[in-house]
Amino acid sequence: MDIISEATAGLKGNTNSTDTLKERKLREACAGFEALMLKQILTLARQSVPKSGLLDGGYGEEMFQSIHDDQMAQKMAGSSGLGFGDMLYRQLSQAHAPQSKEK
């Protein structure tokens, strides 16, 4: 399972029945972007913690922590807790909304 599939659940829950295919794809892309950003934040935060050297697990521990960060990012983005994906969707959908011509 990749990081995008579960992370889009939060924004997919906000879809309306009147959403077009383009709007649904935009919601999914925004949710996926939020999940990727959260994974980067978690990874960088984990790297800032000093290691003692006594009980470091090497490659196995790094792999487990990477998978753990993926899952945490998916859950955080899927819950719409931060709202970054929603905000991004609103900005992009307004920027690409068809403009009505008024004279």
N, C-alpha and C. Protein backbone atom coordinates (compact mmCIF):
# COMPACT_ATOMS: atom_id res chain seq x y z
N MET A 1 0.84 -1.17 0.00
CA MET A 1 0.00 0.00 0.00
C MET A 1 0.89 1.24 0.00
N ASP A 2 0.64 2.18 -0.90
CA ASP A 2 1.47 3.36 -0.95
C ASP A 2 0.90 4.47 -0.08
N ILE A 3 1.65 5.51 0.08
CA ILE A 3 1.29 6.59 1.00
C ILE A 3 0.07 7.37 0.52
N ILE A 4 -0.18 7.39 -0.77
CA ILE A 4 -1.28 8.18 -1.31
C ILE A 4 -2.63 7.52 -1.09
N SER A 5 -2.71 6.22 -1.19
CA SER A 5 -4.00 5.53 -1.21
C SER A 5 -4.82 5.76 0.05
N GLU A 6 -4.21 5.66 1.22
CA GLU A 6 -4.97 5.83 2.45
C GLU A 6 -5.09 7.29 2.85
N ALA A 7 -4.14 8.10 2.44
CA ALA A 7 -4.14 9.50 2.83
C ALA A 7 -5.26 10.28 2.18
N THR A 8 -5.71 9.84 1.04
CA THR A 8 -6.77 10.57 0.36
C THR A 8 -8.13 10.36 0.99
N ALA A 9 -8.24 9.49 1.96
CA ALA A 9 -9.53 9.22 2.59
C ALA A 9 -10.11 10.47 3.25
N GLY A 10 -9.28 11.30 3.85
CA GLY A 10 -9.76 12.51 4.51
C GLY A 10 -10.41 13.48 3.55
N LEU A 11 -9.76 13.74 2.44
CA LEU A 11 -10.33 14.67 1.46
C LEU A 11 -11.40 14.00 0.62
N LYS A 12 -11.32 12.69 0.41
CA LYS A 12 -12.36 12.01 -0.34
C LYS A 12 -13.68 12.07 0.41
N GLY A 13 -13.60 12.10 1.73
CA GLY A 13 -14.81 12.20 2.53
C GLY A 13 -15.52 13.53 2.35
N ASN A 14 -14.79 14.53 1.87
CA ASN A 14 -15.36 15.85 1.67
C ASN A 14 -15.94 16.04 0.28
N THR A 15 -15.89 15.03 -0.54
CA THR A 15 -16.37 15.19 -1.91
C THR A 15 -17.87 15.36 -1.93
N ASN A 16 -18.32 16.12 -2.88
CA ASN A 16 -19.74 16.34 -3.09
C ASN A 16 -20.20 15.51 -4.27
N SER A 17 -21.49 15.25 -4.33
CA SER A 17 -22.00 14.48 -5.46
C SER A 17 -21.92 15.29 -6.75
N THR A 18 -21.78 16.60 -6.62
CA THR A 18 -21.69 17.45 -7.81
C THR A 18 -20.27 17.63 -8.30
N ASP A 19 -19.29 17.05 -7.59
CA ASP A 19 -17.89 17.16 -8.02
C ASP A 19 -17.70 16.49 -9.37
N THR A 20 -16.94 17.15 -10.20
CA THR A 20 -16.59 16.55 -11.48
C THR A 20 -15.38 15.64 -11.28
N LEU A 21 -15.04 14.92 -12.31
CA LEU A 21 -13.87 14.04 -12.25
C LEU A 21 -12.61 14.85 -11.97
N LYS A 22 -12.54 16.02 -12.57
CA LYS A 22 -11.38 16.89 -12.38
C LYS A 22 -11.27 17.33 -10.91
N GLU A 23 -12.39 17.66 -10.31
CA GLU A 23 -12.39 18.09 -8.90
C GLU A 23 -12.01 16.94 -7.98
N ARG A 24 -12.49 15.73 -8.27
CA ARG A 24 -12.13 14.57 -7.46
C ARG A 24 -10.64 14.28 -7.54
N LYS A 25 -10.11 14.37 -8.75
CA LYS A 25 -8.67 14.14 -8.93
C LYS A 25 -7.85 15.21 -8.22
N LEU A 26 -8.34 16.44 -8.22
CA LEU A 26 -7.64 17.51 -7.52
C LEU A 26 -7.65 17.26 -6.02
N ARG A 27 -8.79 16.80 -5.48
CA ARG A 27 -8.86 16.47 -4.05
C ARG A 27 -7.87 15.36 -3.69
N GLU A 28 -7.80 14.33 -4.53
CA GLU A 28 -6.87 13.23 -4.28
C GLU A 28 -5.42 13.70 -4.35
N ALA A 29 -5.11 14.56 -5.30
CA ALA A 29 -3.75 15.07 -5.43
C ALA A 29 -3.37 15.92 -4.22
N CYS A 30 -4.30 16.74 -3.74
CA CYS A 30 -4.03 17.58 -2.57
C CYS A 30 -3.83 16.73 -1.32
N ALA A 31 -4.62 15.69 -1.15
CA ALA A 31 -4.47 14.81 -0.01
C ALA A 31 -3.15 14.05 -0.08
N GLY A 32 -2.78 13.62 -1.26
CA GLY A 32 -1.51 12.94 -1.44
C GLY A 32 -0.32 13.85 -1.15
N PHE A 33 -0.44 15.11 -1.57
CA PHE A 33 0.62 16.07 -1.31
C PHE A 33 0.75 16.32 0.19
N GLU A 34 -0.39 16.42 0.88
CA GLU A 34 -0.36 16.61 2.33
C GLU A 34 0.33 15.42 3.01
N ALA A 35 0.03 14.22 2.57
CA ALA A 35 0.66 13.02 3.15
C ALA A 35 2.16 13.01 2.92
N LEU A 36 2.59 13.40 1.74
CA LEU A 36 4.03 13.44 1.45
C LEU A 36 4.74 14.49 2.30
N MET A 37 4.10 15.64 2.48
CA MET A 37 4.69 16.69 3.31
C MET A 37 4.79 16.23 4.77
N LEU A 38 3.75 15.57 5.26
CA LEU A 38 3.78 15.07 6.63
C LEU A 38 4.86 14.02 6.82
N LYS A 39 5.07 13.18 5.82
CA LYS A 39 6.12 12.17 5.93
C LYS A 39 7.49 12.84 6.01
N GLN A 40 7.69 13.88 5.22
CA GLN A 40 8.96 14.60 5.27
C GLN A 40 9.16 15.23 6.65
N ILE A 41 8.11 15.82 7.21
CA ILE A 41 8.20 16.43 8.53
C ILE A 41 8.56 15.38 9.58
N LEU A 42 7.88 14.25 9.53
CA LEU A 42 8.17 13.18 10.50
C LEU A 42 9.59 12.65 10.36
N THR A 43 10.03 12.47 9.14
CA THR A 43 11.38 11.96 8.89
C THR A 43 12.44 12.93 9.40
N LEU A 44 12.25 14.21 9.10
CA LEU A 44 13.22 15.20 9.56
C LEU A 44 13.19 15.36 11.08
N ALA A 45 12.01 15.26 11.68
CA ALA A 45 11.92 15.35 13.13
C ALA A 45 12.63 14.17 13.78
N ARG A 46 12.50 13.00 13.19
CA ARG A 46 13.17 11.81 13.73
C ARG A 46 14.68 11.93 13.60
N GLN A 47 15.15 12.55 12.54
CA GLN A 47 16.60 12.70 12.35
C GLN A 47 17.20 13.70 13.35
N SER A 48 16.38 14.57 13.91
CA SER A 48 16.90 15.57 14.84
C SER A 48 17.15 15.00 16.24
N VAL A 49 16.64 13.80 16.51
CA VAL A 49 16.84 13.17 17.82
C VAL A 49 18.22 12.52 17.84
N PRO A 50 19.06 12.90 18.81
CA PRO A 50 20.41 12.30 18.86
C PRO A 50 20.35 10.81 19.22
N LYS A 51 21.23 10.04 18.61
CA LYS A 51 21.30 8.60 18.88
C LYS A 51 22.41 8.34 19.89
N SER A 52 22.13 7.43 20.79
CA SER A 52 23.10 7.13 21.84
C SER A 52 24.21 6.19 21.36
N GLY A 53 23.91 5.39 20.37
CA GLY A 53 24.89 4.43 19.88
C GLY A 53 24.84 3.11 20.61
N LEU A 54 24.16 3.06 21.73
CA LEU A 54 24.12 1.84 22.53
C LEU A 54 23.15 0.82 21.94
N LEU A 55 21.96 1.26 21.60
CA LEU A 55 20.93 0.33 21.12
C LEU A 55 20.43 0.66 19.71
N ASP A 56 21.25 1.25 18.90
CA ASP A 56 20.84 1.54 17.54
C ASP A 56 20.74 0.25 16.75
N GLY A 57 19.65 0.09 16.01
CA GLY A 57 19.37 -1.16 15.32
C GLY A 57 19.90 -1.24 13.91
N GLY A 58 20.57 -0.22 13.42
CA GLY A 58 21.14 -0.27 12.09
C GLY A 58 20.09 -0.17 11.00
N TYR A 59 20.32 -0.92 9.92
CA TYR A 59 19.45 -0.84 8.75
C TYR A 59 18.03 -1.30 9.06
N GLY A 60 17.86 -2.33 9.85
CA GLY A 60 16.53 -2.83 10.21
C GLY A 60 15.71 -1.78 10.93
N GLU A 61 16.32 -1.08 11.84
CA GLU A 61 15.61 -0.03 12.57
C GLU A 61 15.25 1.12 11.65
N GLU A 62 16.16 1.49 10.76
CA GLU A 62 15.87 2.56 9.80
C GLU A 62 14.70 2.20 8.91
N MET A 63 14.65 0.95 8.47
CA MET A 63 13.56 0.49 7.60
C MET A 63 12.23 0.53 8.37
N PHE A 64 12.23 0.04 9.60
CA PHE A 64 11.03 0.06 10.42
C PHE A 64 10.56 1.49 10.65
N GLN A 65 11.47 2.39 10.97
CA GLN A 65 11.09 3.78 11.21
C GLN A 65 10.54 4.45 9.96
N SER A 66 11.08 4.10 8.81
CA SER A 66 10.57 4.65 7.55
C SER A 66 9.13 4.18 7.30
N ILE A 67 8.88 2.90 7.52
CA ILE A 67 7.53 2.36 7.35
C ILE A 67 6.58 2.98 8.38
N HIS A 68 7.07 3.14 9.60
CA HIS A 68 6.26 3.76 10.65
C HIS A 68 5.91 5.21 10.29
N ASP A 69 6.88 5.94 9.76
CA ASP A 69 6.62 7.33 9.33
C ASP A 69 5.59 7.38 8.21
N ASP A 70 5.68 6.43 7.27
CA ASP A 70 4.68 6.35 6.19
C ASP A 70 3.28 6.16 6.76
N GLN A 71 3.14 5.23 7.67
CA GLN A 71 1.82 4.95 8.24
C GLN A 71 1.30 6.12 9.06
N MET A 72 2.16 6.75 9.82
CA MET A 72 1.74 7.91 10.61
C MET A 72 1.29 9.05 9.70
N ALA A 73 2.02 9.28 8.62
CA ALA A 73 1.66 10.34 7.69
C ALA A 73 0.32 10.04 7.03
N GLN A 74 0.07 8.79 6.68
CA GLN A 74 -1.20 8.40 6.08
C GLN A 74 -2.35 8.66 7.03
N LYS A 75 -2.19 8.26 8.28
CA LYS A 75 -3.25 8.45 9.27
C LYS A 75 -3.49 9.93 9.54
N MET A 76 -2.43 10.70 9.63
CA MET A 76 -2.58 12.13 9.91
C MET A 76 -3.25 12.85 8.74
N ALA A 77 -2.85 12.53 7.53
CA ALA A 77 -3.45 13.19 6.36
C ALA A 77 -4.88 12.71 6.13
N GLY A 78 -5.14 11.43 6.42
CA GLY A 78 -6.47 10.88 6.22
C GLY A 78 -7.50 11.39 7.20
N SER A 79 -7.05 11.85 8.35
CA SER A 79 -7.99 12.32 9.37
C SER A 79 -8.38 13.77 9.17
N SER A 80 -7.79 14.46 8.23
CA SER A 80 -8.02 15.89 7.97
C SER A 80 -7.74 16.73 9.20
N GLY A 81 -6.83 16.27 10.02
CA GLY A 81 -6.51 16.98 11.25
C GLY A 81 -5.79 18.30 11.02
N LEU A 82 -4.89 18.36 10.06
CA LEU A 82 -4.14 19.58 9.81
C LEU A 82 -4.85 20.51 8.85
N GLY A 83 -5.57 19.96 7.92
CA GLY A 83 -6.31 20.78 6.97
C GLY A 83 -5.48 21.38 5.86
N PHE A 84 -4.22 20.97 5.76
CA PHE A 84 -3.36 21.50 4.71
C PHE A 84 -3.87 21.11 3.33
N GLY A 85 -4.32 19.88 3.18
CA GLY A 85 -4.86 19.43 1.90
C GLY A 85 -6.13 20.15 1.52
N ASP A 86 -7.00 20.41 2.50
CA ASP A 86 -8.23 21.16 2.23
C ASP A 86 -7.91 22.58 1.78
N MET A 87 -6.96 23.21 2.47
CA MET A 87 -6.59 24.58 2.13
C MET A 87 -5.99 24.62 0.71
N LEU A 88 -5.15 23.68 0.40
CA LEU A 88 -4.55 23.61 -0.92
C LEU A 88 -5.62 23.39 -1.98
N TYR A 89 -6.58 22.52 -1.70
CA TYR A 89 -7.67 22.27 -2.65
C TYR A 89 -8.47 23.56 -2.92
N ARG A 90 -8.81 24.28 -1.86
CA ARG A 90 -9.58 25.52 -2.03
C ARG A 90 -8.82 26.53 -2.87
N GLN A 91 -7.53 26.66 -2.61
CA GLN A 91 -6.72 27.61 -3.37
C GLN A 91 -6.65 27.22 -4.85
N LEU A 92 -6.39 25.95 -5.11
CA LEU A 92 -6.25 25.51 -6.50
C LEU A 92 -7.57 25.51 -7.24
N SER A 93 -8.65 25.14 -6.55
CA SER A 93 -9.94 25.11 -7.25
C SER A 93 -10.42 26.52 -7.56
N GLN A 94 -10.11 27.50 -6.72
CA GLN A 94 -10.48 28.88 -7.02
C GLN A 94 -9.62 29.44 -8.15
N ALA A 95 -8.37 29.05 -8.17
CA ALA A 95 -7.47 29.55 -9.20
C ALA A 95 -7.85 29.03 -10.58
N HIS A 96 -8.43 27.85 -10.64
CA HIS A 96 -8.77 27.24 -11.93
C HIS A 96 -10.27 27.20 -12.20
N ALA A 97 -11.03 27.93 -11.40
CA ALA A 97 -12.47 27.97 -11.64
C ALA A 97 -12.75 28.78 -12.89
N PRO A 98 -13.75 28.36 -13.67
CA PRO A 98 -14.08 29.13 -14.86
C PRO A 98 -14.58 30.52 -14.47
N GLN A 99 -14.02 31.51 -15.11
CA GLN A 99 -14.40 32.89 -14.83
C GLN A 99 -15.65 33.26 -15.62
N SER A 100 -16.63 33.84 -14.94
CA SER A 100 -17.83 34.30 -15.66
C SER A 100 -17.52 35.64 -16.30
N LYS A 101 -17.95 35.81 -17.53
CA LYS A 101 -17.67 37.04 -18.26
C LYS A 101 -18.78 38.05 -17.98
N GLU A 102 -18.40 39.14 -17.35
CA GLU A 102 -19.37 40.20 -17.06
C GLU A 102 -18.96 41.43 -17.83
N LYS A 103 -19.95 42.13 -18.37
CA LYS A 103 -19.64 43.35 -19.13
C LYS A 103 -20.39 44.50 -18.55
